[in-house]
Amino acid sequence: MNNRISPATIELLIRERNKGKPLRQLGQMFGRSHEGVRQLLAKNDRSQVTLLPESRVAAKLGYPEGWLARLRKEGIINPVKPGGFWLYSEEQVRQIPSLIAEMRRCEQCGKPRPLSYPRFCRECSQYREKHHYESLSPEAKAEHVKRCLAWRKANRERSKKIHSRAKQEVSG
């Protein structure tokens, strides 16, 4: 095998390593051993990439590891797992705060939401609690009606009592 590698190939190798690819995978891609790839990178890449474990990344950024796991499971970030634990490149670590900020937005209005609110901001949560039915999608409303009709059919007597009490409150 020819030991000379073009500068474009070395540049591609460096770029792939900076994305977090392990040496063995790079070696397979370029037809070299992982040690050969490591030596090439050491010789040609002045900015060696440091891969950090997930626990250290979480501690460094101040986020729970579960948030990183969620980003990873949703395919938003792609760390490498060469030996049983997830490793992140410095570039990925820099992107994580903005990705988490985007993940922490209200599903209804898009404003940032507090940590204790899992899907919606305070205002949207309060609106949804007061106007639950109005905030449902048409499919959810149809499902709700179907469940109500099934309940009424199964509980005829209770349904009649509730209906008559509601009529008295409206008229009285």
C-alpha atoms as a PDB file:
ATOM      1  CA  MET A   1       0.000   0.000   0.000  1.00  0.00           C
ATOM      2  CA  ASN A   2       1.205   3.468  -0.808  1.00  0.00           C
ATOM      3  CA  ASN A   3       2.233   5.379   2.336  1.00  0.00           C
ATOM      4  CA  ARG A   4       1.708   8.784   0.754  1.00  0.00           C
ATOM      5  CA  ILE A   5      -1.644  10.387   1.440  1.00  0.00           C
ATOM      6  CA  SER A   6      -2.943  13.460  -0.337  1.00  0.00           C
ATOM      7  CA  PRO A   7      -3.491  16.661   1.660  1.00  0.00           C
ATOM      8  CA  ALA A   8      -7.206  16.507   0.779  1.00  0.00           C
ATOM      9  CA  THR A   9      -7.464  13.026   2.321  1.00  0.00           C
ATOM     10  CA  ILE A  10      -5.639  14.195   5.452  1.00  0.00           C
ATOM     11  CA  GLU A  11      -7.977  17.180   5.673  1.00  0.00           C
ATOM     12  CA  LEU A  12     -11.001  14.870   5.361  1.00  0.00           C
ATOM     13  CA  LEU A  13      -9.517  12.574   8.012  1.00  0.00           C
ATOM     14  CA  ILE A  14      -9.043  15.515  10.410  1.00  0.00           C
ATOM     15  CA  ARG A  15     -12.577  16.778   9.748  1.00  0.00           C
ATOM     16  CA  GLU A  16     -14.098  13.337  10.415  1.00  0.00           C
ATOM     17  CA  ARG A  17     -12.077  12.965  13.623  1.00  0.00           C
ATOM     18  CA  ASN A  18     -13.244  16.420  14.766  1.00  0.00           C
ATOM     19  CA  LYS A  19     -16.826  15.209  14.339  1.00  0.00           C
ATOM     20  CA  GLY A  20     -16.036  12.520  16.908  1.00  0.00           C
ATOM     21  CA  LYS A  21     -15.431   9.416  14.810  1.00  0.00           C
ATOM     22  CA  PRO A  22     -13.239   6.799  16.518  1.00  0.00           C
ATOM     23  CA  LEU A  23      -9.810   5.900  15.143  1.00  0.00           C
ATOM     24  CA  ARG A  24     -10.847   2.338  14.253  1.00  0.00           C
ATOM     25  CA  GLN A  25     -13.750   3.582  12.135  1.00  0.00           C
ATOM     26  CA  LEU A  26     -11.486   6.095  10.387  1.00  0.00           C
ATOM     27  CA  GLY A  27      -8.936   3.347   9.785  1.00  0.00           C
ATOM     28  CA  GLN A  28     -11.588   1.195   8.125  1.00  0.00           C
ATOM     29  CA  MET A  29     -12.756   4.131   5.994  1.00  0.00           C
ATOM     30  CA  PHE A  30      -9.241   4.938   4.758  1.00  0.00           C
ATOM     31  CA  GLY A  31      -7.803   1.407   4.609  1.00  0.00           C
ATOM     32  CA  ARG A  32      -5.346   1.867   7.473  1.00  0.00           C
ATOM     33  CA  SER A  33      -4.913   0.616  11.001  1.00  0.00           C
ATOM     34  CA  HIS A  34      -6.197   2.745  13.861  1.00  0.00           C
ATOM     35  CA  GLU A  35      -2.581   3.266  14.969  1.00  0.00           C
ATOM     36  CA  GLY A  36      -1.665   4.481  11.487  1.00  0.00           C
ATOM     37  CA  VAL A  37      -4.564   6.926  11.568  1.00  0.00           C
ATOM     38  CA  ARG A  38      -3.514   8.126  15.035  1.00  0.00           C
ATOM     39  CA  GLN A  39       0.057   8.715  13.818  1.00  0.00           C
ATOM     40  CA  LEU A  40      -1.177  10.588  10.734  1.00  0.00           C
ATOM     41  CA  LEU A  41      -3.382  12.793  12.894  1.00  0.00           C
ATOM     42  CA  ALA A  42      -0.582  13.424  15.383  1.00  0.00           C
ATOM     43  CA  LYS A  43       1.746  14.406  12.558  1.00  0.00           C
ATOM     44  CA  ASN A  44      -0.692  16.570  10.575  1.00  0.00           C
ATOM     45  CA  ASP A  45      -3.374  17.848  12.938  1.00  0.00           C
ATOM     46  CA  ARG A  46      -2.221  20.546  15.316  1.00  0.00           C
ATOM     47  CA  SER A  47      -5.601  20.817  17.029  1.00  0.00           C
ATOM     48  CA  GLN A  48      -6.048  17.292  18.379  1.00  0.00           C
ATOM     49  CA  VAL A  49      -9.657  16.616  19.283  1.00  0.00           C
ATOM     50  CA  THR A  50     -10.345  15.767  22.880  1.00  0.00           C
ATOM     51  CA  LEU A  51     -13.276  13.445  23.419  1.00  0.00           C
ATOM     52  CA  LEU A  52     -15.064  13.933  26.732  1.00  0.00           C
ATOM     53  CA  PRO A  53     -17.237  11.341  28.507  1.00  0.00           C
ATOM     54  CA  GLU A  54     -20.931  12.143  28.966  1.00  0.00           C
ATOM     55  CA  SER A  55     -20.640  12.512  32.746  1.00  0.00           C
ATOM     56  CA  ARG A  56     -17.898  15.138  32.403  1.00  0.00           C
ATOM     57  CA  VAL A  57     -19.835  17.003  29.691  1.00  0.00           C
ATOM     58  CA  ALA A  58     -22.937  17.099  31.893  1.00  0.00           C
ATOM     59  CA  ALA A  59     -20.917  18.340  34.882  1.00  0.00           C
ATOM     60  CA  LYS A  60     -19.104  20.933  32.759  1.00  0.00           C
ATOM     61  CA  LEU A  61     -22.344  22.334  31.319  1.00  0.00           C
ATOM     62  CA  GLY A  62     -24.398  21.920  34.494  1.00  0.00           C
ATOM     63  CA  TYR A  63     -27.114  19.776  32.891  1.00  0.00           C
ATOM     64  CA  PRO A  64     -28.442  16.403  34.028  1.00  0.00           C
ATOM     65  CA  GLU A  65     -27.073  13.445  32.064  1.00  0.00           C
ATOM     66  CA  GLY A  66     -30.679  12.567  31.212  1.00  0.00           C
ATOM     67  CA  TRP A  67     -30.953  15.666  29.037  1.00  0.00           C
ATOM     68  CA  LEU A  68     -27.885  14.614  27.065  1.00  0.00           C
ATOM     69  CA  ALA A  69     -29.306  11.107  26.762  1.00  0.00           C
ATOM     70  CA  ARG A  70     -32.577  12.550  25.432  1.00  0.00           C
ATOM     71  CA  LEU A  71     -30.744  14.615  22.807  1.00  0.00           C
ATOM     72  CA  ARG A  72     -28.755  11.517  21.863  1.00  0.00           C
ATOM     73  CA  LYS A  73     -31.845   9.252  21.645  1.00  0.00           C
ATOM     74  CA  GLU A  74     -33.712  11.763  19.506  1.00  0.00           C
ATOM     75  CA  GLY A  75     -30.738  11.866  17.117  1.00  0.00           C
ATOM     76  CA  ILE A  76     -30.050  15.567  17.701  1.00  0.00           C
ATOM     77  CA  ILE A  77     -26.458  14.900  18.772  1.00  0.00           C
ATOM     78  CA  ASN A  78     -24.337  11.940  17.727  1.00  0.00           C
ATOM     79  CA  PRO A  79     -21.552  11.152  20.184  1.00  0.00           C
ATOM     80  CA  VAL A  80     -19.396   8.075  19.678  1.00  0.00           C
ATOM     81  CA  LYS A  81     -19.416   4.989  21.882  1.00  0.00           C
ATOM     82  CA  PRO A  82     -16.106   3.240  21.317  1.00  0.00           C
ATOM     83  CA  GLY A  83     -15.835   1.348  24.594  1.00  0.00           C
ATOM     84  CA  GLY A  84     -19.114   1.288  26.482  1.00  0.00           C
ATOM     85  CA  PHE A  85     -19.533   4.960  27.327  1.00  0.00           C
ATOM     86  CA  TRP A  86     -20.521   7.960  25.214  1.00  0.00           C
ATOM     87  CA  LEU A  87     -17.824  10.432  24.131  1.00  0.00           C
ATOM     88  CA  TYR A  88     -18.443  13.982  22.892  1.00  0.00           C
ATOM     89  CA  SER A  89     -16.145  16.208  20.832  1.00  0.00           C
ATOM     90  CA  GLU A  90     -15.507  19.817  21.861  1.00  0.00           C
ATOM     91  CA  GLU A  91     -17.597  20.995  18.892  1.00  0.00           C
ATOM     92  CA  GLN A  92     -20.571  18.953  20.104  1.00  0.00           C
ATOM     93  CA  VAL A  93     -20.128  20.257  23.660  1.00  0.00           C
ATOM     94  CA  ARG A  94     -20.281  23.841  22.354  1.00  0.00           C
ATOM     95  CA  GLN A  95     -23.552  23.100  20.508  1.00  0.00           C
ATOM     96  CA  ILE A  96     -25.351  21.429  23.425  1.00  0.00           C
ATOM     97  CA  PRO A  97     -26.499  24.584  25.309  1.00  0.00           C
ATOM     98  CA  SER A  98     -28.282  25.969  22.235  1.00  0.00           C
ATOM     99  CA  LEU A  99     -29.804  22.558  21.483  1.00  0.00           C
ATOM    100  CA  ILE A 100     -31.107  22.249  25.052  1.00  0.00           C
ATOM    101  CA  ALA A 101     -32.450  25.818  24.946  1.00  0.00           C
ATOM    102  CA  GLU A 102     -34.360  24.875  21.792  1.00  0.00           C
ATOM    103  CA  MET A 103     -35.571  21.677  23.449  1.00  0.00           C
ATOM    104  CA  ARG A 104     -36.810  23.678  26.462  1.00  0.00           C
ATOM    105  CA  ARG A 105     -39.332  25.725  24.431  1.00  0.00           C
ATOM    106  CA  CYS A 106     -43.100  25.702  24.935  1.00  0.00           C
ATOM    107  CA  GLU A 107     -44.829  23.408  22.456  1.00  0.00           C
ATOM    108  CA  GLN A 108     -47.686  25.887  22.004  1.00  0.00           C
ATOM    109  CA  CYS A 109     -46.148  29.377  21.837  1.00  0.00           C
ATOM    110  CA  GLY A 110     -42.396  28.672  21.504  1.00  0.00           C
ATOM    111  CA  LYS A 111     -41.329  30.740  24.541  1.00  0.00           C
ATOM    112  CA  PRO A 112     -38.688  29.305  26.906  1.00  0.00           C
ATOM    113  CA  ARG A 113     -40.311  27.214  29.631  1.00  0.00           C
ATOM    114  CA  PRO A 114     -39.213  26.610  33.228  1.00  0.00           C
ATOM    115  CA  LEU A 115     -37.572  23.328  34.201  1.00  0.00           C
ATOM    116  CA  SER A 116     -40.595  22.202  36.197  1.00  0.00           C
ATOM    117  CA  TYR A 117     -42.923  22.545  33.182  1.00  0.00           C
ATOM    118  CA  PRO A 118     -42.463  19.490  30.954  1.00  0.00           C
ATOM    119  CA  ARG A 119     -44.181  20.692  27.745  1.00  0.00           C
ATOM    120  CA  PHE A 120     -45.642  24.195  28.030  1.00  0.00           C
ATOM    121  CA  CYS A 121     -44.717  27.578  29.552  1.00  0.00           C
ATOM    122  CA  ARG A 122     -46.615  28.946  32.577  1.00  0.00           C
ATOM    123  CA  GLU A 123     -49.123  30.968  30.544  1.00  0.00           C
ATOM    124  CA  CYS A 124     -49.970  28.144  28.140  1.00  0.00           C
ATOM    125  CA  SER A 125     -50.180  25.614  30.997  1.00  0.00           C
ATOM    126  CA  GLN A 126     -52.648  27.829  32.864  1.00  0.00           C
ATOM    127  CA  TYR A 127     -54.708  28.404  29.708  1.00  0.00           C
ATOM    128  CA  ARG A 128     -54.784  24.669  28.937  1.00  0.00           C
ATOM    129  CA  GLU A 129     -55.903  23.882  32.509  1.00  0.00           C
ATOM    130  CA  LYS A 130     -58.778  26.387  32.309  1.00  0.00           C
ATOM    131  CA  HIS A 131     -59.723  25.694  28.690  1.00  0.00           C
ATOM    132  CA  HIS A 132     -58.720  22.092  28.282  1.00  0.00           C
ATOM    133  CA  TYR A 133     -61.322  21.131  25.718  1.00  0.00           C
ATOM    134  CA  GLU A 134     -60.735  24.216  23.535  1.00  0.00           C
ATOM    135  CA  SER A 135     -57.012  23.478  23.287  1.00  0.00           C
ATOM    136  CA  LEU A 136     -57.516  19.917  22.019  1.00  0.00           C
ATOM    137  CA  SER A 137     -56.932  19.002  18.393  1.00  0.00           C
ATOM    138  CA  PRO A 138     -59.978  17.922  16.330  1.00  0.00           C
ATOM    139  CA  GLU A 139     -58.842  14.279  16.558  1.00  0.00           C
ATOM    140  CA  ALA A 140     -58.506  14.520  20.337  1.00  0.00           C
ATOM    141  CA  LYS A 141     -61.962  16.145  20.586  1.00  0.00           C
ATOM    142  CA  ALA A 142     -63.500  13.305  18.567  1.00  0.00           C
ATOM    143  CA  GLU A 143     -61.786  10.751  20.814  1.00  0.00           C
ATOM    144  CA  HIS A 144     -63.043  12.629  23.907  1.00  0.00           C
ATOM    145  CA  VAL A 145     -66.633  12.577  22.606  1.00  0.00           C
ATOM    146  CA  LYS A 146     -66.345   8.849  21.881  1.00  0.00           C
ATOM    147  CA  ARG A 147     -65.105   8.162  25.432  1.00  0.00           C
ATOM    148  CA  CYS A 148     -67.891  10.318  26.941  1.00  0.00           C
ATOM    149  CA  LEU A 149     -70.584   8.498  24.980  1.00  0.00           C
ATOM    150  CA  ALA A 150     -69.165   5.116  26.006  1.00  0.00           C
ATOM    151  CA  TRP A 151     -69.113   6.225  29.664  1.00  0.00           C
ATOM    152  CA  ARG A 152     -72.703   7.488  29.468  1.00  0.00           C
ATOM    153  CA  LYS A 153     -73.807   4.191  27.967  1.00  0.00           C
ATOM    154  CA  ALA A 154     -72.047   2.180  30.701  1.00  0.00           C
ATOM    155  CA  ASN A 155     -73.262   4.473  33.530  1.00  0.00           C
ATOM    156  CA  ARG A 156     -76.802   5.484  32.529  1.00  0.00           C
ATOM    157  CA  GLU A 157     -78.094   6.255  36.044  1.00  0.00           C
ATOM    158  CA  ARG A 158     -75.111   8.361  37.086  1.00  0.00           C
ATOM    159  CA  SER A 159     -75.214  10.149  33.749  1.00  0.00           C
ATOM    160  CA  LYS A 160     -78.899  11.046  34.244  1.00  0.00           C
ATOM    161  CA  LYS A 161     -78.219  12.385  37.759  1.00  0.00           C
ATOM    162  CA  ILE A 162     -75.319  14.514  36.560  1.00  0.00           C
ATOM    163  CA  HIS A 163     -77.342  15.808  33.603  1.00  0.00           C
ATOM    164  CA  SER A 164     -80.362  16.736  35.758  1.00  0.00           C
ATOM    165  CA  ARG A 165     -78.122  18.453  38.345  1.00  0.00           C
ATOM    166  CA  ALA A 166     -76.441  20.461  35.576  1.00  0.00           C
ATOM    167  CA  LYS A 167     -79.854  21.544  34.237  1.00  0.00           C
ATOM    168  CA  GLN A 168     -80.906  22.690  37.729  1.00  0.00           C
ATOM    169  CA  GLU A 169     -77.732  24.762  38.130  1.00  0.00           C
ATOM    170  CA  VAL A 170     -78.235  26.449  34.760  1.00  0.00           C
ATOM    171  CA  SER A 171     -81.936  27.233  35.311  1.00  0.00           C
ATOM    172  CA  GLY A 172     -81.658  28.019  39.002  1.00  0.00           C
END
